[in-house]
Protein backbone atom coordinates (compact mmCIF):
# COMPACT_ATOMS: atom_id res chain seq x y z
CA UNK A 1 -9.83 18.11 -7.18
CA UNK A 2 -7.63 17.09 -4.10
CA UNK A 3 -4.48 15.15 -4.27
CA UNK A 4 -3.57 11.78 -4.00
CA UNK A 5 -0.77 10.09 -2.14
CA UNK A 6 0.68 6.68 -3.95
CA UNK A 7 2.35 4.53 -1.83
CA UNK A 8 5.02 3.82 -4.77
CA UNK A 9 7.62 0.84 -5.17
CA UNK A 10 9.77 1.70 -8.44
CA UNK A 11 10.60 -1.76 -9.88
CA UNK A 12 6.86 -3.18 -9.27
CA UNK A 13 5.19 -3.31 -12.49
CA UNK A 14 1.48 -2.64 -10.88
CA UNK A 15 3.10 0.46 -8.95
CA UNK A 16 4.24 1.83 -12.15
CA UNK A 17 1.35 1.46 -13.92
CA UNK A 18 -0.70 3.18 -11.48
CA UNK A 19 1.61 6.41 -11.08
CA UNK A 20 1.55 6.13 -14.94
CA UNK A 21 -2.35 6.24 -14.72
CA UNK A 22 -2.28 9.13 -12.65
CA UNK A 23 0.56 10.62 -14.75
CA UNK A 24 -1.34 10.32 -18.02
CA UNK A 25 -4.95 11.49 -16.44
CA UNK A 26 -3.07 14.80 -15.37
CA UNK A 27 -4.04 13.89 -11.74
CA UNK A 28 -2.34 15.40 -8.97
CA UNK A 29 -0.67 13.21 -6.57
CA UNK A 30 2.14 12.76 -4.29
CA UNK A 31 4.83 9.60 -4.47
CA UNK A 32 5.38 7.92 -0.86
CA UNK A 33 8.54 5.51 -1.31
CA UNK A 34 7.14 3.85 1.11
CA UNK A 35 10.55 1.24 1.06
CA UNK A 36 13.19 4.38 1.95
CA UNK A 37 10.32 6.16 3.74
CA UNK A 38 8.74 3.58 6.06
CA UNK A 39 5.07 4.39 7.34
CA UNK A 40 4.95 5.05 10.93
CA UNK A 41 2.35 3.12 13.29
CA UNK A 42 -0.05 5.58 13.22
CA UNK A 43 0.37 6.47 9.72
CA UNK A 44 -0.08 2.51 8.98
CA UNK A 45 -3.11 2.44 11.09
CA UNK A 46 -5.06 5.40 9.65
CA UNK A 47 -4.08 4.02 6.27
CA UNK A 48 -5.50 0.51 6.96
CA UNK A 49 -8.96 2.72 8.31
CA UNK A 50 -9.10 4.18 4.78
CA UNK A 51 -8.44 0.47 3.04
CA UNK A 52 -11.33 -0.63 5.21
CA UNK A 53 -9.06 -3.88 6.11
CA UNK A 54 -7.48 -5.44 8.38
CA UNK A 55 -3.48 -5.89 8.62
CA UNK A 56 -3.19 -9.37 7.28
CA UNK A 57 -5.05 -8.26 3.99
CA UNK A 58 -2.07 -6.34 3.26
CA UNK A 59 0.45 -8.51 3.48
CA UNK A 60 1.98 -9.47 0.34
CA UNK A 61 2.40 -13.52 0.77
CA UNK A 62 4.15 -14.22 -2.57
CA UNK A 63 7.13 -12.09 -1.38
CA UNK A 64 10.46 -14.59 -0.58
CA UNK A 65 10.64 -12.77 3.08
CA UNK A 66 7.07 -13.87 3.48
CA UNK A 67 7.60 -17.19 2.29
CA UNK A 68 10.63 -17.96 4.58
CA UNK A 69 9.32 -16.40 7.84
CA UNK A 70 5.96 -16.17 8.75
CA UNK A 71 4.26 -18.45 5.80
CA UNK A 72 2.13 -20.46 8.04
CA UNK A 73 2.46 -19.35 11.04
CA UNK A 74 -0.26 -18.01 13.09
CA UNK A 75 0.01 -13.87 13.34
CA UNK A 76 -2.42 -11.53 15.39
CA UNK A 77 -3.44 -8.65 13.64
CA UNK A 78 -1.68 -6.38 15.90
CA UNK A 79 1.43 -8.49 15.19
CA UNK A 80 1.02 -7.82 11.45
CA UNK A 81 0.88 -4.25 12.27
CA UNK A 82 4.35 -4.15 13.96
CA UNK A 83 5.68 -6.58 10.88
CA UNK A 84 4.56 -4.55 7.68
CA UNK A 85 6.11 -1.36 9.58
CA UNK A 86 9.32 -3.73 10.12
CA UNK A 87 9.54 -4.69 6.69
CA UNK A 88 6.90 -2.62 4.43
CA UNK A 89 8.31 -4.73 1.58
CA UNK A 90 5.29 -6.80 2.73
CA UNK A 91 2.84 -4.18 2.13
CA UNK A 92 0.60 -5.02 -0.64
CA UNK A 93 0.77 -2.46 -3.49
CA UNK A 94 0.49 0.48 -4.93
CA UNK A 95 -2.42 2.09 -2.62
CA UNK A 96 -3.76 4.93 -3.36
CA UNK A 97 -5.19 7.30 -1.01
CA UNK A 98 -6.87 10.80 -0.56
CA UNK A 99 -8.49 12.80 2.36
CA UNK A 100 -10.83 10.14 3.08
CA UNK A 101 -10.54 6.67 1.54
CA UNK A 102 -7.81 4.45 -0.05
CA UNK A 103 -7.37 1.33 -2.40
CA UNK A 104 -5.04 -0.82 -3.42
CA UNK A 105 -5.20 -0.18 -7.13
CA UNK A 106 -5.29 -3.76 -8.67
CA UNK A 107 -5.97 -2.96 -11.04
CA UNK A 108 -4.26 0.24 -11.61
CA UNK A 109 -7.81 1.58 -12.52
CA UNK A 110 -8.83 0.65 -9.31
CA UNK A 111 -7.27 4.13 -8.20
CA UNK A 112 -10.32 5.88 -10.05
CA UNK A 113 -12.58 5.25 -7.41
CA UNK A 114 -10.99 7.95 -4.98
CA UNK A 115 -11.60 10.45 -7.86
């Protein structure tokens, strides 16, 4: 079985739930603490390709930062890439990927699609 990567935020209950599922099922995985080890532009673009989503589709719109600075503004997809790199807390979580695809694991069981 190929190893999965979980983009994890340790204070998020949904992220914790996905990590627990990986551990309970003994699924090989690597944890990427994306808030302290942010994605590069290239990594984010590759992840979006695997997700088959546009940058705006992985933005956490309930985050206070989004509401304070970005809500109601017209932002281009290319601008979202830069904003997500600068503000990784705006990236939807958890995201889990394998070598060929990725999912937003909400609910956590959605990550099983990668197996």
